[in-house]
Amino acid sequence: MAGYLRKTALSPDEILSVAEKTLPERIGLSRTKSSGHGATYSGEEGTVALNAHRHGAYTEVSANTDRLRTSRMDYEIQKFLNQLPYEPYDQGGPGRGAPT
């Protein structure tokens, strides 16, 4: 199992909305559970549990997978988290050196 944390300016609802659009397309995962502050996605690549909690101006996002850090799913989850905007006016997305 691997766990990841990310701080972002997005609200928990916005994060879960982005996850709902991104994770099924990118990794082939389907949402199996959801709550006001989190969701669990599962598929052939494995399972990931996302949780998002607002703390002041930022939201802390945690992602816990049932795979090793070297798996494809873990790579894609890290990529998903890194594309969340850190500051309120950031665009998010890949860095300047990352392929799109």
Protein backbone atom coordinates (compact mmCIF):
# COMPACT_ATOMS: atom_id res chain seq x y z
CA MET A 1 0.00 0.00 0.00
CA ALA A 2 1.10 3.52 -0.75
CA GLY A 3 -0.19 6.83 0.53
CA TYR A 4 0.12 10.33 -0.89
CA LEU A 5 -0.78 13.82 0.37
CA ARG A 6 -1.37 17.03 -1.54
CA LYS A 7 -2.42 20.50 -0.45
CA THR A 8 -4.57 22.40 -2.96
CA ALA A 9 -6.70 25.53 -3.22
CA LEU A 10 -9.63 23.52 -4.63
CA SER A 11 -12.58 22.63 -2.41
CA PRO A 12 -13.31 18.99 -1.53
CA ASP A 13 -16.26 19.00 -3.97
CA GLU A 14 -14.06 20.32 -6.79
CA ILE A 15 -11.41 17.67 -6.11
CA LEU A 16 -13.95 14.86 -6.17
CA SER A 17 -15.43 16.27 -9.37
CA VAL A 18 -12.00 16.34 -11.05
CA ALA A 19 -11.34 12.79 -9.82
CA GLU A 20 -14.68 11.60 -11.23
CA LYS A 21 -13.73 12.96 -14.66
CA THR A 22 -10.05 11.97 -14.60
CA LEU A 23 -9.62 8.60 -12.89
CA PRO A 24 -12.06 6.54 -14.98
CA GLU A 25 -10.56 7.89 -18.19
CA ARG A 26 -6.89 7.78 -17.19
CA ILE A 27 -6.77 4.52 -15.20
CA GLY A 28 -10.07 2.78 -15.95
CA LEU A 29 -11.34 2.98 -12.37
CA SER A 30 -15.00 3.17 -11.33
CA ARG A 31 -16.30 4.82 -8.18
CA THR A 32 -17.39 2.14 -5.70
CA LYS A 33 -18.04 4.33 -2.63
CA SER A 34 -18.49 8.01 -1.93
CA SER A 35 -19.10 10.38 0.94
CA GLY A 36 -19.06 14.13 1.45
CA HIS A 37 -15.29 14.16 1.83
CA GLY A 38 -14.07 11.18 -0.14
CA ALA A 39 -14.51 8.45 -2.69
CA THR A 40 -13.10 5.01 -3.43
CA TYR A 41 -12.32 3.90 -6.98
CA SER A 42 -11.59 0.35 -8.10
CA GLY A 43 -10.65 -1.39 -11.33
CA GLU A 44 -8.17 -3.80 -12.90
CA GLU A 45 -5.25 -1.61 -11.80
CA GLY A 46 -6.32 -1.74 -8.13
CA THR A 47 -8.13 0.44 -5.61
CA VAL A 48 -7.56 4.01 -4.44
CA ALA A 49 -9.32 5.83 -1.61
CA LEU A 50 -9.38 9.64 -1.88
CA ASN A 51 -10.18 11.88 1.08
CA ALA A 52 -10.33 15.67 1.02
CA HIS A 53 -10.64 17.93 4.06
CA ARG A 54 -10.70 21.72 4.05
CA HIS A 55 -8.32 23.56 6.41
CA GLY A 56 -8.64 27.31 6.01
CA ALA A 57 -7.75 28.40 2.48
CA TYR A 58 -6.47 24.96 1.48
CA THR A 59 -7.74 21.41 1.18
CA GLU A 60 -5.59 18.46 2.18
CA VAL A 61 -6.06 15.53 -0.19
CA SER A 62 -4.94 12.04 0.75
CA ALA A 63 -4.83 9.14 -1.68
CA ASN A 64 -4.21 5.60 -0.44
CA THR A 65 -3.74 2.77 -2.91
CA ASP A 66 -3.53 -0.99 -2.52
CA ARG A 67 -0.52 -1.20 -4.87
CA LEU A 68 3.21 -0.67 -4.65
CA ARG A 69 4.66 2.76 -5.36
CA THR A 70 6.05 1.39 -8.62
CA SER A 71 2.66 0.40 -10.08
CA ARG A 72 1.00 2.16 -13.00
CA MET A 73 -1.89 3.21 -10.79
CA ASP A 74 0.42 4.84 -8.25
CA TYR A 75 2.18 6.71 -11.05
CA GLU A 76 -1.17 7.99 -12.35
CA ILE A 77 -2.41 8.94 -8.86
CA GLN A 78 0.76 10.95 -8.25
CA LYS A 79 0.28 12.65 -11.61
CA PHE A 80 -3.38 13.41 -10.77
CA LEU A 81 -2.44 14.97 -7.41
CA ASN A 82 0.39 17.02 -8.91
CA GLN A 83 -1.99 18.55 -11.44
CA LEU A 84 -4.26 20.01 -8.74
CA PRO A 85 -3.61 23.77 -8.40
CA TYR A 86 -1.66 24.66 -5.28
CA GLU A 87 -2.50 28.37 -5.05
CA PRO A 88 -5.96 29.92 -5.66
CA TYR A 89 -5.03 31.37 -9.07
CA ASP A 90 -2.85 28.53 -10.36
CA GLN A 91 -3.99 26.84 -13.54
CA GLY A 92 -2.95 23.37 -12.39
CA GLY A 93 -1.87 20.85 -14.99
CA PRO A 94 1.57 19.50 -15.89
CA GLY A 95 4.69 21.54 -15.19
CA ARG A 96 6.60 23.26 -17.97
CA GLY A 97 8.92 20.29 -18.50
CA ALA A 98 6.23 17.60 -18.39
CA PRO A 99 4.72 16.18 -21.57
CA THR A 100 0.99 16.80 -21.88
